Amino acid sequence: MRGFSRLNLRTEAAALAALFLLFPLQTSTAQAASGSQDPSAAQPSVSTQSGPEKFRFIYEKGDKFRFLSTVHEDVYLNHSLYNRNTEITNRIAFEVADSAPDSSWGLLKGTFITAEKPEGSAVAVISETYDSEFRRDAFGTYTIGDQYYMPVVRNLPIFPDRALSPGDTWAAAGEERHDLRRVFEIPDPYAIPFDARYRYVGTVQKDGKDLRLITADYTIFYQPAPPRAYASIYPVQVAGFSSQKIYWDPRAGQIESYEERFKLIFDWSDGSTIEYRGTADARLTEAQLMDRKKLAADIADAVKDLDNVVVAPTDKGVMISIENIQFQPDSAELAQSELEKIAAIAEILKRYQGRDILVAGHTALAGTAGGRKKLSEERARAVAEELIRDGARQPSEVQVAGYGAERPVADNSTAEGMAKNRRVEITILEN
């Protein structure tokens, strides 16, 4: 959900002469594009007969929350369509690191991983990873340090200190915070205030659960002062709206799923305008804890006859590393021997369904940093798409990342070390 996710401005140069900086918006929770089916359609029936009840977040130390979200959006530059139906997926993992004995607050620590699916690609490429830590009280109010950029939408939902009946309404202040450090070099989180209007609709049956449906709507019209520092341009006006449906699980004291329609328009100091239109959804996901040591041992036994394949448990799950992986020179075209190896690994991965995989590319220390990163990403994508063709996973269950030479496992000053660093890692993810 956007309230538990991120809205990141990702920039790329487009018309240098006009200084137009184009950046597809990355929210963390969406499903259909602005031209797709409205998420308000085909909703479950609502009962408004339930009695008054209080809404409170419940925190218990050690609880873990996992959200999976996707966004499709259209991007407009100066009122002309620039990018249609951009797809971004987000995986959000949080743990209650501490909590009050009476559950009046929880300290949440976690990670936001955002991936974008390039045009023509079957898999999403990880664009950024953010760590975050914040305290939230039982009513939903955040206490969070300025060094954290995620989540972007904060203090939503906020619940009143009274029992609510279907049809009741209330209002509370919230805030969006945007990361504009890259390209614009605006050093501080860009804060945009809003006032949200809430309505408790009633009880719904959804996914086999009795949930409470709450709507939240807010509009934005904000004219910020110039930032204390910036590279070239900065926002002079931000306008838009968000219309949300929040499905609340009263037993868990947490949000179970979420839907949104949104529009956001940035007017910049150079006269350019960027507009984002889309819809969003997110859902809470569950997965059994992985016995990493046992799984790693089982997979290591299964790949023992494959050359240059190493298996190990990691903090993310279980990693299968293909070292000294062979491609055609300076390309992402796999050698025939590697295609056979990947097909064998795909057969092994089929035994362990229900978990997403991350395919990460790495290079030895050669060429430029930008070139290494691009090549490692392209090679990781080639391996990921081969795994999909071999039936190991569906495209939605695969993410790709390219790290260039940033994470060596051996000494790049030797041929043997460079061969180990020239690798692709396939990780079966814990979450």
Protein backbone atom coordinates (compact mmCIF):
# COMPACT_ATOMS: atom_id res chain seq x y z
CA MET A 1 0.00 0.00 0.00
CA ARG A 2 1.18 3.53 -0.58
CA GLY A 3 0.66 4.30 3.08
CA PHE A 4 3.09 1.50 3.88
CA SER A 5 5.35 1.98 0.93
CA ARG A 6 7.04 4.52 -1.19
CA LEU A 7 6.44 7.17 -3.78
CA ASN A 8 9.83 7.70 -5.37
CA LEU A 9 10.75 10.14 -8.14
CA ARG A 10 13.09 8.33 -10.50
CA THR A 11 14.74 10.66 -12.99
CA GLU A 12 16.28 10.33 -16.40
CA ALA A 13 17.31 13.06 -18.83
CA ALA A 14 14.98 13.55 -21.77
CA ALA A 15 15.37 16.83 -23.61
CA LEU A 16 18.58 18.38 -22.40
CA ALA A 17 18.14 21.55 -24.40
CA ALA A 18 14.84 22.20 -22.64
CA LEU A 19 16.12 20.83 -19.29
CA PHE A 20 13.17 18.44 -19.11
CA LEU A 21 13.88 15.79 -16.47
CA LEU A 22 11.51 12.87 -16.82
CA PHE A 23 10.92 10.48 -13.98
CA PRO A 24 8.34 7.70 -13.80
CA LEU A 25 6.63 7.85 -10.44
CA GLN A 26 7.11 4.77 -8.26
CA THR A 27 4.42 4.25 -5.72
CA SER A 28 4.39 1.03 -3.89
CA THR A 29 0.90 -0.20 -4.23
CA ALA A 30 -0.95 -0.49 -7.41
CA GLN A 31 -2.57 -2.89 -9.73
CA ALA A 32 -4.28 -1.48 -12.83
CA ALA A 33 -3.38 1.50 -14.98
CA SER A 34 -5.54 4.53 -15.36
CA GLY A 35 -7.03 2.90 -18.43
CA SER A 36 -7.57 -0.40 -16.64
CA GLN A 37 -10.50 -1.62 -14.60
CA ASP A 38 -11.33 0.63 -11.66
CA PRO A 39 -10.43 -1.17 -8.42
CA SER A 40 -13.77 -0.04 -6.97
CA ALA A 41 -15.54 -2.35 -9.43
CA ALA A 42 -16.71 -5.84 -8.45
CA GLN A 43 -16.28 -5.19 -4.73
CA PRO A 44 -17.60 -7.55 -2.04
CA SER A 45 -21.01 -6.74 -0.53
CA VAL A 46 -20.99 -4.55 2.56
CA SER A 47 -23.00 -5.04 5.75
CA THR A 48 -23.74 -1.86 7.70
CA GLN A 49 -25.48 -3.67 10.55
CA SER A 50 -22.42 -4.12 12.77
CA GLY A 51 -22.35 -2.27 16.07
CA PRO A 52 -19.89 0.35 17.31
CA GLU A 53 -16.27 -0.75 17.71
CA LYS A 54 -12.91 0.84 18.30
CA PHE A 55 -10.15 0.59 15.72
CA ARG A 56 -6.62 0.18 17.08
CA PHE A 57 -3.34 -1.08 15.68
CA ILE A 58 -2.07 -4.08 17.64
CA TYR A 59 1.66 -4.66 18.08
CA GLU A 60 3.41 -7.69 19.52
CA LYS A 61 7.18 -7.92 19.56
CA GLY A 62 8.40 -10.36 16.93
CA ASP A 63 5.36 -10.03 14.65
CA LYS A 64 6.27 -9.82 10.97
CA PHE A 65 4.38 -8.12 8.16
CA ARG A 66 4.93 -8.69 4.45
CA PHE A 67 3.18 -6.63 1.77
CA LEU A 68 3.26 -7.28 -1.95
CA SER A 69 2.16 -4.47 -4.22
CA THR A 70 2.19 -3.51 -7.86
CA VAL A 71 1.61 -0.22 -9.62
CA HIS A 72 0.60 0.56 -13.16
CA GLU A 73 0.52 4.22 -14.07
CA ASP A 74 0.56 6.61 -16.98
CA VAL A 75 3.09 9.44 -17.01
CA TYR A 76 2.46 12.77 -18.76
CA LEU A 77 5.10 15.37 -19.62
CA ASN A 78 3.70 18.85 -20.20
CA HIS A 79 0.22 17.34 -20.65
CA SER A 80 1.34 14.87 -23.35
CA LEU A 81 1.48 11.12 -22.71
CA TYR A 82 5.11 10.13 -22.19
CA ASN A 83 4.97 6.64 -20.72
CA ARG A 84 1.93 4.37 -20.67
CA ASN A 85 1.18 1.66 -18.15
CA THR A 86 4.48 1.63 -16.28
CA GLU A 87 4.60 -1.40 -13.97
CA ILE A 88 6.39 -1.28 -10.64
CA THR A 89 6.34 -3.98 -7.97
CA ASN A 90 7.21 -3.50 -4.34
CA ARG A 91 8.01 -5.98 -1.62
CA ILE A 92 7.78 -4.57 1.85
CA ALA A 93 8.98 -6.56 4.88
CA PHE A 94 8.63 -5.31 8.45
CA GLU A 95 9.09 -6.73 11.94
CA VAL A 96 7.88 -5.37 15.27
CA ALA A 97 11.26 -4.91 16.95
CA ASP A 98 9.72 -3.69 20.20
CA SER A 99 6.28 -2.88 21.56
CA ALA A 100 4.51 -1.53 24.62
CA PRO A 101 3.08 -4.14 27.01
CA ASP A 102 -0.40 -2.74 26.37
CA SER A 103 0.24 -2.57 22.58
CA SER A 104 -0.11 1.21 22.65
CA TRP A 105 2.87 1.52 20.31
CA GLY A 106 5.17 -0.60 18.18
CA LEU A 107 8.68 -0.04 16.87
CA LEU A 108 8.80 -1.27 13.28
CA LYS A 109 11.97 -2.02 11.35
CA GLY A 110 12.08 -3.18 7.77
CA THR A 111 12.97 -2.89 4.11
CA PHE A 112 11.29 -1.56 0.97
CA ILE A 113 12.41 -3.18 -2.30
CA THR A 114 11.14 -1.59 -5.51
CA ALA A 115 11.45 -3.12 -8.96
CA GLU A 116 10.41 -1.83 -12.39
CA LYS A 117 9.66 -3.97 -15.41
CA PRO A 118 11.44 -2.51 -18.48
CA GLU A 119 9.51 -2.47 -21.72
CA GLY A 120 9.85 -5.81 -23.51
CA SER A 121 11.18 -7.62 -20.43
CA ALA A 122 9.47 -10.52 -18.68
CA VAL A 123 10.99 -9.68 -15.31
CA ALA A 124 11.16 -6.68 -13.00
CA VAL A 125 14.55 -5.10 -12.26
CA ILE A 126 15.23 -3.85 -8.73
CA SER A 127 15.74 -0.11 -8.85
CA GLU A 128 16.20 0.76 -5.18
CA THR A 129 16.20 -0.68 -1.67
CA TYR A 130 15.43 1.39 1.42
CA ASP A 131 15.71 0.53 5.10
CA SER A 132 13.38 2.21 7.54
CA GLU A 133 12.57 2.35 11.24
CA PHE A 134 9.70 4.13 12.92
CA ARG A 135 7.41 4.03 15.90
CA ARG A 136 3.65 4.02 15.38
CA ASP A 137 1.03 4.27 18.09
CA ALA A 138 -2.27 2.43 18.39
CA PHE A 139 -4.12 5.21 16.55
CA GLY A 140 -1.67 5.17 13.60
CA THR A 141 0.51 8.22 14.31
CA TYR A 142 4.16 7.93 13.25
CA THR A 143 7.35 8.99 15.03
CA ILE A 144 10.16 8.69 12.48
CA GLY A 145 13.60 10.21 11.98
CA ASP A 146 14.39 12.56 9.11
CA GLN A 147 17.04 10.15 7.82
CA TYR A 148 14.32 7.70 6.71
CA TYR A 149 12.58 8.26 3.39
CA MET A 150 10.15 5.35 3.60
CA PRO A 151 7.26 5.00 3.98
CA VAL A 152 6.31 7.99 1.88
CA VAL A 153 2.67 8.26 3.00
CA ARG A 154 2.57 8.67 6.76
CA ASN A 155 -0.17 8.93 9.38
CA LEU A 156 -2.71 7.12 7.22
CA PRO A 157 -4.98 5.72 8.44
CA ILE A 158 -5.41 7.59 11.70
CA PHE A 159 -8.23 6.36 13.95
CA PRO A 160 -10.21 8.53 16.41
CA ASP A 161 -10.33 7.78 20.13
CA ARG A 162 -13.94 6.62 20.04
CA ALA A 163 -16.04 3.71 18.88
CA LEU A 164 -17.18 3.87 15.26
CA SER A 165 -20.39 2.69 13.65
CA PRO A 166 -20.92 2.18 9.89
CA GLY A 167 -21.42 5.57 8.28
CA ASP A 168 -19.30 7.47 10.80
CA THR A 169 -16.77 9.94 9.41
CA TRP A 170 -13.72 11.72 10.76
CA ALA A 171 -10.67 13.64 9.53
CA ALA A 172 -6.96 13.68 10.40
CA ALA A 173 -3.75 15.22 9.10
CA GLY A 174 -1.19 13.18 7.18
CA GLU A 175 1.95 13.70 5.14
CA GLU A 176 3.79 12.50 2.06
CA ARG A 177 7.60 12.62 2.03
CA HIS A 178 9.55 12.31 -1.22
CA ASP A 179 13.19 11.53 -1.93
CA LEU A 180 14.51 14.11 -4.39
CA ARG A 181 18.22 13.68 -3.66
CA ARG A 182 19.15 12.05 -6.92
CA VAL A 183 19.57 14.42 -9.89
CA PHE A 184 17.87 17.34 -8.12
CA GLU A 185 20.24 17.12 -5.14
CA ILE A 186 17.54 18.28 -2.76
CA PRO A 187 19.05 16.95 0.48
CA ASP A 188 15.99 16.83 2.75
CA PRO A 189 12.88 14.65 2.51
CA TYR A 190 10.32 16.68 0.59
CA ALA A 191 7.31 16.99 2.94
CA ILE A 192 3.80 17.49 1.52
CA PRO A 193 0.99 17.83 4.09
CA PHE A 194 -2.61 16.76 3.54
CA ASP A 195 -5.87 16.34 5.45
CA ALA A 196 -7.49 12.94 4.95
CA ARG A 197 -11.25 12.37 5.18
CA TYR A 198 -12.30 8.94 6.47
CA ARG A 199 -15.53 6.95 6.47
CA TYR A 200 -16.23 3.62 8.13
CA VAL A 201 -18.38 1.80 5.55
CA GLY A 202 -19.06 -1.51 7.31
CA THR A 203 -18.20 -5.22 7.38
CA VAL A 204 -17.26 -7.09 4.21
CA GLN A 205 -16.49 -10.71 3.40
CA LYS A 206 -13.20 -10.79 1.49
CA ASP A 207 -10.83 -13.70 0.91
CA GLY A 208 -12.75 -15.75 3.45
CA LYS A 209 -12.39 -13.15 6.21
CA ASP A 210 -14.71 -10.72 7.97
CA LEU A 211 -13.00 -7.40 7.34
CA ARG A 212 -13.91 -3.76 7.96
CA LEU A 213 -14.01 -1.43 4.97
CA ILE A 214 -12.77 2.12 5.51
CA THR A 215 -12.45 4.77 2.81
CA ALA A 216 -9.80 7.49 2.91
CA ASP A 217 -9.63 10.44 0.54
CA TYR A 218 -7.40 13.46 0.38
CA THR A 219 -6.49 16.21 -2.05
CA ILE A 220 -3.17 17.99 -2.29
CA PHE A 221 -2.54 21.59 -3.24
CA TYR A 222 0.82 22.70 -1.92
CA GLN A 223 3.19 25.50 -2.88
CA PRO A 224 6.44 24.84 -1.02
CA ALA A 225 9.23 27.31 -0.43
CA PRO A 226 12.46 26.68 -2.38
CA PRO A 227 14.62 24.02 -0.73
CA ARG A 228 17.84 24.99 1.03
CA ALA A 229 19.84 23.32 -1.78
CA TYR A 230 19.10 21.87 -5.22
CA ALA A 231 20.87 21.01 -8.48
CA SER A 232 18.85 22.77 -11.18
CA ILE A 233 15.09 22.80 -10.65
CA TYR A 234 12.68 22.19 -7.78
CA PRO A 235 8.91 21.78 -7.31
CA VAL A 236 6.99 25.03 -7.04
CA GLN A 237 3.53 23.44 -6.80
CA VAL A 238 2.19 19.97 -6.13
CA ALA A 239 -1.46 19.05 -6.67
CA GLY A 240 -3.43 15.84 -6.85
CA PHE A 241 -5.69 13.40 -5.06
CA SER A 242 -5.78 9.94 -3.56
CA SER A 243 -8.94 7.85 -3.13
CA GLN A 244 -8.40 4.71 -1.09
CA LYS A 245 -10.20 1.63 0.21
CA ILE A 246 -8.64 0.07 3.29
CA TYR A 247 -9.61 -3.45 4.37
CA TRP A 248 -9.01 -3.76 8.11
CA ASP A 249 -8.61 -7.05 10.01
CA PRO A 250 -10.01 -6.38 13.52
CA ARG A 251 -8.58 -9.61 14.96
CA ALA A 252 -5.03 -8.84 13.84
CA GLY A 253 -5.33 -5.10 14.42
CA GLN A 254 -3.68 -4.49 11.04
CA ILE A 255 -4.47 -3.61 7.44
CA GLU A 256 -5.13 -6.75 5.38
CA SER A 257 -5.27 -5.15 1.91
CA TYR A 258 -5.64 -1.85 0.16
CA GLU A 259 -6.81 -0.23 -3.10
CA GLU A 260 -6.22 3.24 -4.49
CA ARG A 261 -6.82 5.61 -7.38
CA PHE A 262 -4.40 8.53 -7.59
CA LYS A 263 -3.25 11.51 -9.58
CA LEU A 264 -0.24 13.66 -8.75
CA ILE A 265 0.98 16.73 -10.66
CA PHE A 266 4.36 18.38 -10.09
CA ASP A 267 4.98 21.87 -11.48
CA TRP A 268 8.71 22.63 -11.60
CA SER A 269 10.64 25.88 -11.38
CA ASP A 270 11.67 25.67 -15.06
CA GLY A 271 8.02 25.66 -16.18
CA SER A 272 7.73 21.93 -16.88
CA THR A 273 4.92 19.72 -15.56
CA ILE A 274 4.93 16.01 -14.77
CA GLU A 275 1.66 14.19 -14.08
CA TYR A 276 1.07 10.63 -12.81
CA ARG A 277 -2.25 8.82 -13.06
CA GLY A 278 -2.93 5.30 -11.91
CA THR A 279 -4.53 2.86 -9.53
CA ALA A 280 -3.00 0.82 -6.77
CA ASP A 281 -3.45 -2.19 -4.55
CA ALA A 282 -1.46 -4.15 -2.00
CA ARG A 283 -2.05 -7.21 0.14
CA LEU A 284 -0.59 -8.81 3.20
CA THR A 285 1.29 -12.00 2.32
CA GLU A 286 2.23 -14.95 4.46
CA ALA A 287 5.00 -17.51 4.09
CA GLN A 288 6.25 -20.28 6.33
CA LEU A 289 9.68 -19.74 7.76
CA MET A 290 12.40 -21.37 5.72
CA ASP A 291 14.76 -23.97 7.19
CA ARG A 292 17.67 -22.39 5.35
CA LYS A 293 20.38 -24.82 6.41
CA LYS A 294 18.36 -27.87 5.43
CA LEU A 295 17.19 -26.34 2.16
CA ALA A 296 20.74 -25.28 1.29
CA ALA A 297 22.02 -28.80 2.02
CA ASP A 298 19.28 -30.38 -0.12
CA ILE A 299 19.97 -28.07 -3.07
CA ALA A 300 23.75 -28.46 -2.72
CA ASP A 301 23.30 -32.21 -3.05
CA ALA A 302 21.08 -31.73 -6.11
CA VAL A 303 23.63 -29.51 -7.92
CA LYS A 304 26.79 -31.41 -6.93
CA ASP A 305 27.39 -32.53 -10.52
CA LEU A 306 27.18 -28.98 -11.94
CA ASP A 307 30.49 -27.19 -12.40
CA ASN A 308 31.05 -23.83 -10.68
CA VAL A 309 27.76 -23.92 -8.78
CA VAL A 310 27.87 -23.07 -5.08
CA VAL A 311 24.94 -23.12 -2.63
CA ALA A 312 24.74 -21.28 0.71
CA PRO A 313 22.15 -19.92 3.15
CA THR A 314 22.07 -16.11 3.34
CA ASP A 315 20.16 -13.49 5.30
CA LYS A 316 17.65 -13.35 2.41
CA GLY A 317 17.11 -17.09 1.90
CA VAL A 318 19.12 -19.74 0.04
CA MET A 319 21.48 -18.68 -2.75
CA ILE A 320 22.60 -20.70 -5.77
CA SER A 321 25.69 -19.01 -7.21
CA ILE A 322 26.84 -19.78 -10.76
CA GLU A 323 30.48 -18.70 -10.78
CA ASN A 324 32.53 -17.97 -13.89
CA ILE A 325 29.29 -17.91 -15.85
CA GLN A 326 29.93 -17.84 -19.58
CA PHE A 327 28.39 -15.37 -22.01
CA GLN A 328 29.32 -14.32 -25.48
CA PRO A 329 32.04 -11.62 -25.21
CA ASP A 330 30.74 -8.31 -23.80
CA SER A 331 27.14 -9.42 -24.17
CA ALA A 332 24.25 -10.97 -22.26
CA GLU A 333 23.91 -13.94 -24.63
CA LEU A 334 24.43 -17.13 -22.64
CA ALA A 335 26.80 -19.83 -23.83
CA GLN A 336 25.19 -23.18 -24.68
CA SER A 337 26.86 -24.87 -21.72
CA GLU A 338 25.28 -22.37 -19.37
CA LEU A 339 21.82 -22.88 -20.89
CA GLU A 340 22.06 -26.56 -19.98
CA LYS A 341 23.19 -25.68 -16.46
CA ILE A 342 20.33 -23.18 -15.98
CA ALA A 343 17.83 -25.76 -17.24
CA ALA A 344 19.08 -28.17 -14.58
CA ILE A 345 18.76 -25.50 -11.90
CA ALA A 346 15.24 -24.68 -13.11
CA GLU A 347 14.22 -28.29 -12.52
CA ILE A 348 15.51 -28.02 -8.96
CA LEU A 349 13.70 -24.72 -8.36
CA LYS A 350 10.42 -26.32 -9.43
CA ARG A 351 10.59 -28.45 -6.27
CA TYR A 352 10.44 -25.35 -4.08
CA GLN A 353 7.41 -23.40 -5.23
CA GLY A 354 5.63 -20.69 -3.28
CA ARG A 355 8.68 -18.46 -2.85
CA ASP A 356 9.91 -15.69 -5.12
CA ILE A 357 13.43 -15.70 -6.48
CA LEU A 358 15.98 -12.92 -6.94
CA VAL A 359 18.49 -13.19 -9.78
CA ALA A 360 21.50 -10.93 -9.19
CA GLY A 361 24.30 -10.31 -11.67
CA HIS A 362 27.93 -9.50 -10.74
CA THR A 363 31.00 -8.70 -12.81
CA ALA A 364 34.74 -8.66 -12.29
CA LEU A 365 36.52 -5.30 -11.96
CA ALA A 366 36.84 -4.31 -15.63
CA GLY A 367 35.52 -1.35 -17.61
CA THR A 368 33.55 1.55 -16.13
CA ALA A 369 31.25 1.37 -13.12
CA GLY A 370 28.24 2.28 -15.26
CA GLY A 371 29.13 -0.29 -17.90
CA ARG A 372 29.65 -3.01 -15.30
CA LYS A 373 26.31 -2.34 -13.66
CA LYS A 374 24.46 -2.33 -16.99
CA LEU A 375 26.11 -5.55 -18.15
CA SER A 376 25.48 -7.32 -14.84
CA GLU A 377 21.82 -6.35 -14.95
CA GLU A 378 21.42 -7.53 -18.54
CA ARG A 379 23.10 -10.85 -17.75
CA ALA A 380 20.97 -11.39 -14.67
CA ARG A 381 17.89 -10.66 -16.76
CA ALA A 382 19.01 -13.20 -19.36
CA VAL A 383 19.32 -15.89 -16.69
CA ALA A 384 15.98 -14.93 -15.13
CA GLU A 385 14.16 -15.08 -18.45
CA GLU A 386 15.73 -18.47 -19.17
CA LEU A 387 14.48 -19.76 -15.80
CA ILE A 388 10.99 -18.50 -16.66
CA ARG A 389 11.11 -20.21 -20.08
CA ASP A 390 12.17 -23.42 -18.34
CA GLY A 391 9.14 -23.21 -16.03
CA ALA A 392 10.97 -22.54 -12.75
CA ARG A 393 8.77 -19.55 -11.86
CA GLN A 394 6.14 -17.21 -13.24
CA PRO A 395 7.39 -13.74 -14.26
CA SER A 396 5.64 -12.13 -11.28
CA GLU A 397 7.71 -14.33 -8.96
CA VAL A 398 11.09 -13.20 -10.26
CA GLN A 399 13.11 -10.05 -9.60
CA VAL A 400 16.43 -9.02 -11.12
CA ALA A 401 19.29 -6.87 -9.85
CA GLY A 402 22.66 -5.87 -11.31
CA TYR A 403 25.48 -4.95 -8.92
CA GLY A 404 28.45 -4.65 -11.28
CA ALA A 405 31.67 -5.12 -9.31
CA GLU A 406 30.31 -3.66 -6.07
CA ARG A 407 30.12 -6.99 -4.19
CA PRO A 408 33.24 -9.05 -4.95
CA VAL A 409 33.69 -12.46 -3.31
CA ALA A 410 37.32 -12.87 -4.40
CA ASP A 411 40.43 -10.87 -5.30
CA ASN A 412 40.05 -9.13 -8.67
CA SER A 413 43.82 -9.00 -9.08
CA THR A 414 43.96 -12.69 -10.03
CA ALA A 415 42.33 -14.55 -12.92
CA GLU A 416 40.85 -17.06 -10.48
CA GLY A 417 39.37 -14.28 -8.37
CA MET A 418 37.89 -12.51 -11.38
CA ALA A 419 36.28 -15.78 -12.49
CA LYS A 420 34.58 -16.14 -9.09
CA ASN A 421 33.38 -12.53 -9.17
CA ARG A 422 31.93 -13.00 -12.66
CA ARG A 423 28.80 -14.74 -11.38
CA VAL A 424 25.00 -14.80 -11.27
CA GLU A 425 23.29 -15.57 -7.97
CA ILE A 426 19.80 -17.11 -7.81
CA THR A 427 18.29 -16.67 -4.34
CA ILE A 428 15.15 -18.45 -3.15
CA LEU A 429 13.75 -15.71 -0.95
CA GLU A 430 12.57 -16.14 2.61
CA ASN A 431 9.82 -13.57 2.10
